[in-house]
Amino acid sequence: GDHMGFAIWVQGANQVMFQTRPSLLEDNEIFAAASVAAPVMLYVTVTDLAAVAAKLQKYTVLMAEREPFYGANEISYKEPGGHIVHFAEFPDRT
Protein backbone atom coordinates (compact mmCIF):
# COMPACT_ATOMS: atom_id res chain seq x y z
CA GLY A 1 0.00 0.00 0.00
CA ASP A 2 1.18 3.45 0.86
CA HIS A 3 3.29 2.43 3.89
CA MET A 4 6.56 0.56 4.28
CA GLY A 5 5.94 -3.08 5.34
CA PHE A 6 9.52 -4.00 6.17
CA ALA A 7 13.08 -2.72 6.14
CA ILE A 8 16.39 -4.59 6.02
CA TRP A 9 19.68 -3.24 7.32
CA VAL A 10 22.81 -4.96 6.00
CA GLN A 11 26.40 -4.76 7.24
CA GLY A 12 28.75 -7.25 5.65
CA ALA A 13 27.18 -10.70 5.90
CA ASN A 14 24.81 -9.63 8.69
CA GLN A 15 21.22 -8.54 8.15
CA VAL A 16 18.51 -7.26 10.45
CA MET A 17 14.95 -7.07 9.15
CA PHE A 18 12.09 -5.20 10.77
CA GLN A 19 8.62 -6.11 9.54
CA THR A 20 5.23 -4.70 10.48
CA ARG A 21 2.62 -7.09 11.85
CA PRO A 22 0.24 -6.47 8.89
CA SER A 23 3.05 -7.28 6.44
CA LEU A 24 3.93 -10.43 8.37
CA LEU A 25 0.32 -11.61 8.42
CA GLU A 26 -0.05 -10.88 4.72
CA ASP A 27 2.94 -13.14 4.08
CA ASN A 28 1.51 -16.04 6.11
CA GLU A 29 -1.54 -15.81 8.36
CA ILE A 30 -0.33 -18.82 10.39
CA PHE A 31 1.71 -16.28 12.37
CA ALA A 32 -1.40 -14.33 13.46
CA ALA A 33 -1.96 -15.89 16.89
CA ALA A 34 1.64 -16.93 17.51
CA SER A 35 3.14 -13.53 16.76
CA VAL A 36 0.92 -11.71 19.26
CA ALA A 37 2.52 -13.50 22.22
CA ALA A 38 5.98 -13.95 20.71
CA PRO A 39 8.52 -11.49 22.10
CA VAL A 40 10.79 -12.03 19.08
CA MET A 41 10.64 -13.63 15.66
CA LEU A 42 14.10 -14.66 14.54
CA TYR A 43 14.95 -15.47 10.90
CA VAL A 44 18.06 -17.62 10.57
CA THR A 45 19.74 -18.53 7.27
CA VAL A 46 21.22 -22.05 7.33
CA THR A 47 23.12 -24.19 4.83
CA ASP A 48 21.25 -27.48 5.54
CA LEU A 49 17.58 -27.09 6.44
CA ALA A 50 17.02 -30.86 6.60
CA ALA A 51 19.74 -31.22 9.24
CA VAL A 52 18.22 -28.40 11.31
CA ALA A 53 14.74 -29.94 11.10
CA ALA A 54 16.11 -33.34 12.13
CA LYS A 55 17.66 -31.85 15.26
CA LEU A 56 14.52 -29.91 16.19
CA GLN A 57 11.97 -32.74 15.92
CA LYS A 58 10.87 -32.40 19.57
CA TYR A 59 9.91 -28.74 19.13
CA THR A 60 6.59 -27.38 17.86
CA VAL A 61 6.52 -26.69 14.13
CA LEU A 62 4.63 -23.46 13.63
CA MET A 63 4.89 -23.32 9.85
CA ALA A 64 5.58 -26.46 7.84
CA GLU A 65 8.36 -26.42 5.31
CA ARG A 66 7.57 -24.23 2.32
CA GLU A 67 9.20 -22.65 -0.72
CA PRO A 68 8.19 -18.97 -0.98
CA PHE A 69 8.55 -16.85 -4.10
CA TYR A 70 12.07 -15.65 -3.19
CA GLY A 71 13.65 -19.10 -3.60
CA ALA A 72 14.31 -20.25 -0.04
CA ASN A 73 13.24 -23.44 1.68
CA GLU A 74 11.82 -22.45 5.08
CA ILE A 75 10.35 -23.86 8.28
CA SER A 76 9.31 -22.14 11.53
CA TYR A 77 9.29 -23.35 15.12
CA LYS A 78 7.96 -22.01 18.39
CA GLU A 79 10.67 -22.43 20.97
CA PRO A 80 9.95 -23.00 24.70
CA GLY A 81 10.37 -19.30 25.57
CA GLY A 82 7.60 -18.38 23.15
CA HIS A 83 9.84 -16.95 20.44
CA ILE A 84 9.29 -17.86 16.80
CA VAL A 85 12.43 -19.13 15.05
CA HIS A 86 12.25 -19.23 11.28
CA PHE A 87 14.98 -21.16 9.43
CA ALA A 88 15.70 -20.63 5.74
CA GLU A 89 18.02 -22.32 3.28
CA PHE A 90 18.79 -20.60 0.00
CA PRO A 91 19.97 -23.43 -2.31
CA ASP A 92 21.62 -21.06 -4.78
CA ARG A 93 23.82 -19.61 -2.01
CA THR A 94 25.30 -22.87 -0.67
C-alpha atoms as a PDB file:
ATOM      1  CA  GLY A   1       0.000   0.000   0.000  1.00  0.00           C
ATOM      2  CA  ASP A   2       1.176   3.449   0.864  1.00  0.00           C
ATOM      3  CA  HIS A   3       3.287   2.426   3.887  1.00  0.00           C
ATOM      4  CA  MET A   4       6.565   0.560   4.281  1.00  0.00           C
ATOM      5  CA  GLY A   5       5.942  -3.076   5.337  1.00  0.00           C
ATOM      6  CA  PHE A   6       9.517  -3.998   6.166  1.00  0.00           C
ATOM      7  CA  ALA A   7      13.080  -2.721   6.143  1.00  0.00           C
ATOM      8  CA  ILE A   8      16.390  -4.588   6.019  1.00  0.00           C
ATOM      9  CA  TRP A   9      19.685  -3.241   7.319  1.00  0.00           C
ATOM     10  CA  VAL A  10      22.815  -4.956   6.003  1.00  0.00           C
ATOM     11  CA  GLN A  11      26.396  -4.763   7.242  1.00  0.00           C
ATOM     12  CA  GLY A  12      28.747  -7.251   5.654  1.00  0.00           C
ATOM     13  CA  ALA A  13      27.181 -10.704   5.900  1.00  0.00           C
ATOM     14  CA  ASN A  14      24.807  -9.633   8.690  1.00  0.00           C
ATOM     15  CA  GLN A  15      21.219  -8.537   8.145  1.00  0.00           C
ATOM     16  CA  VAL A  16      18.508  -7.260  10.450  1.00  0.00           C
ATOM     17  CA  MET A  17      14.947  -7.074   9.151  1.00  0.00           C
ATOM     18  CA  PHE A  18      12.091  -5.201  10.770  1.00  0.00           C
ATOM     19  CA  GLN A  19       8.622  -6.107   9.540  1.00  0.00           C
ATOM     20  CA  THR A  20       5.231  -4.701  10.480  1.00  0.00           C
ATOM     21  CA  ARG A  21       2.619  -7.091  11.851  1.00  0.00           C
ATOM     22  CA  PRO A  22       0.236  -6.470   8.889  1.00  0.00           C
ATOM     23  CA  SER A  23       3.047  -7.279   6.444  1.00  0.00           C
ATOM     24  CA  LEU A  24       3.929 -10.434   8.373  1.00  0.00           C
ATOM     25  CA  LEU A  25       0.319 -11.612   8.425  1.00  0.00           C
ATOM     26  CA  GLU A  26      -0.049 -10.882   4.724  1.00  0.00           C
ATOM     27  CA  ASP A  27       2.944 -13.144   4.085  1.00  0.00           C
ATOM     28  CA  ASN A  28       1.510 -16.038   6.113  1.00  0.00           C
ATOM     29  CA  GLU A  29      -1.538 -15.810   8.364  1.00  0.00           C
ATOM     30  CA  ILE A  30      -0.329 -18.818  10.386  1.00  0.00           C
ATOM     31  CA  PHE A  31       1.708 -16.279  12.371  1.00  0.00           C
ATOM     32  CA  ALA A  32      -1.402 -14.331  13.463  1.00  0.00           C
ATOM     33  CA  ALA A  33      -1.956 -15.894  16.890  1.00  0.00           C
ATOM     34  CA  ALA A  34       1.644 -16.927  17.509  1.00  0.00           C
ATOM     35  CA  SER A  35       3.144 -13.528  16.764  1.00  0.00           C
ATOM     36  CA  VAL A  36       0.915 -11.710  19.259  1.00  0.00           C
ATOM     37  CA  ALA A  37       2.517 -13.499  22.217  1.00  0.00           C
ATOM     38  CA  ALA A  38       5.984 -13.950  20.707  1.00  0.00           C
ATOM     39  CA  PRO A  39       8.524 -11.494  22.098  1.00  0.00           C
ATOM     40  CA  VAL A  40      10.794 -12.034  19.076  1.00  0.00           C
ATOM     41  CA  MET A  41      10.637 -13.634  15.662  1.00  0.00           C
ATOM     42  CA  LEU A  42      14.101 -14.663  14.542  1.00  0.00           C
ATOM     43  CA  TYR A  43      14.949 -15.473  10.899  1.00  0.00           C
ATOM     44  CA  VAL A  44      18.061 -17.618  10.568  1.00  0.00           C
ATOM     45  CA  THR A  45      19.739 -18.534   7.274  1.00  0.00           C
ATOM     46  CA  VAL A  46      21.218 -22.050   7.327  1.00  0.00           C
ATOM     47  CA  THR A  47      23.121 -24.193   4.829  1.00  0.00           C
ATOM     48  CA  ASP A  48      21.250 -27.478   5.540  1.00  0.00           C
ATOM     49  CA  LEU A  49      17.582 -27.093   6.440  1.00  0.00           C
ATOM     50  CA  ALA A  50      17.020 -30.863   6.599  1.00  0.00           C
ATOM     51  CA  ALA A  51      19.736 -31.216   9.242  1.00  0.00           C
ATOM     52  CA  VAL A  52      18.224 -28.399  11.313  1.00  0.00           C
ATOM     53  CA  ALA A  53      14.735 -29.937  11.096  1.00  0.00           C
ATOM     54  CA  ALA A  54      16.106 -33.345  12.130  1.00  0.00           C
ATOM     55  CA  LYS A  55      17.665 -31.846  15.264  1.00  0.00           C
ATOM     56  CA  LEU A  56      14.515 -29.911  16.191  1.00  0.00           C
ATOM     57  CA  GLN A  57      11.967 -32.742  15.922  1.00  0.00           C
ATOM     58  CA  LYS A  58      10.874 -32.404  19.566  1.00  0.00           C
ATOM     59  CA  TYR A  59       9.915 -28.735  19.128  1.00  0.00           C
ATOM     60  CA  THR A  60       6.593 -27.382  17.862  1.00  0.00           C
ATOM     61  CA  VAL A  61       6.519 -26.691  14.130  1.00  0.00           C
ATOM     62  CA  LEU A  62       4.633 -23.460  13.626  1.00  0.00           C
ATOM     63  CA  MET A  63       4.891 -23.323   9.850  1.00  0.00           C
ATOM     64  CA  ALA A  64       5.579 -26.461   7.844  1.00  0.00           C
ATOM     65  CA  GLU A  65       8.363 -26.419   5.307  1.00  0.00           C
ATOM     66  CA  ARG A  66       7.573 -24.234   2.319  1.00  0.00           C
ATOM     67  CA  GLU A  67       9.197 -22.654  -0.719  1.00  0.00           C
ATOM     68  CA  PRO A  68       8.188 -18.968  -0.979  1.00  0.00           C
ATOM     69  CA  PHE A  69       8.553 -16.850  -4.102  1.00  0.00           C
ATOM     70  CA  TYR A  70      12.067 -15.646  -3.189  1.00  0.00           C
ATOM     71  CA  GLY A  71      13.646 -19.097  -3.602  1.00  0.00           C
ATOM     72  CA  ALA A  72      14.306 -20.245  -0.039  1.00  0.00           C
ATOM     73  CA  ASN A  73      13.239 -23.437   1.682  1.00  0.00           C
ATOM     74  CA  GLU A  74      11.817 -22.448   5.084  1.00  0.00           C
ATOM     75  CA  ILE A  75      10.354 -23.862   8.277  1.00  0.00           C
ATOM     76  CA  SER A  76       9.314 -22.136  11.528  1.00  0.00           C
ATOM     77  CA  TYR A  77       9.293 -23.353  15.118  1.00  0.00           C
ATOM     78  CA  LYS A  78       7.955 -22.013  18.389  1.00  0.00           C
ATOM     79  CA  GLU A  79      10.675 -22.427  20.971  1.00  0.00           C
ATOM     80  CA  PRO A  80       9.954 -22.999  24.698  1.00  0.00           C
ATOM     81  CA  GLY A  81      10.370 -19.304  25.571  1.00  0.00           C
ATOM     82  CA  GLY A  82       7.596 -18.378  23.146  1.00  0.00           C
ATOM     83  CA  HIS A  83       9.843 -16.953  20.437  1.00  0.00           C
ATOM     84  CA  ILE A  84       9.292 -17.862  16.798  1.00  0.00           C
ATOM     85  CA  VAL A  85      12.427 -19.131  15.051  1.00  0.00           C
ATOM     86  CA  HIS A  86      12.254 -19.232  11.275  1.00  0.00           C
ATOM     87  CA  PHE A  87      14.984 -21.165   9.434  1.00  0.00           C
ATOM     88  CA  ALA A  88      15.704 -20.632   5.738  1.00  0.00           C
ATOM     89  CA  GLU A  89      18.023 -22.319   3.277  1.00  0.00           C
ATOM     90  CA  PHE A  90      18.789 -20.603  -0.002  1.00  0.00           C
ATOM     91  CA  PRO A  91      19.970 -23.430  -2.307  1.00  0.00           C
ATOM     92  CA  ASP A  92      21.618 -21.061  -4.781  1.00  0.00           C
ATOM     93  CA  ARG A  93      23.822 -19.611  -2.007  1.00  0.00           C
ATOM     94  CA  THR A  94      25.297 -22.867  -0.666  1.00  0.00           C
END
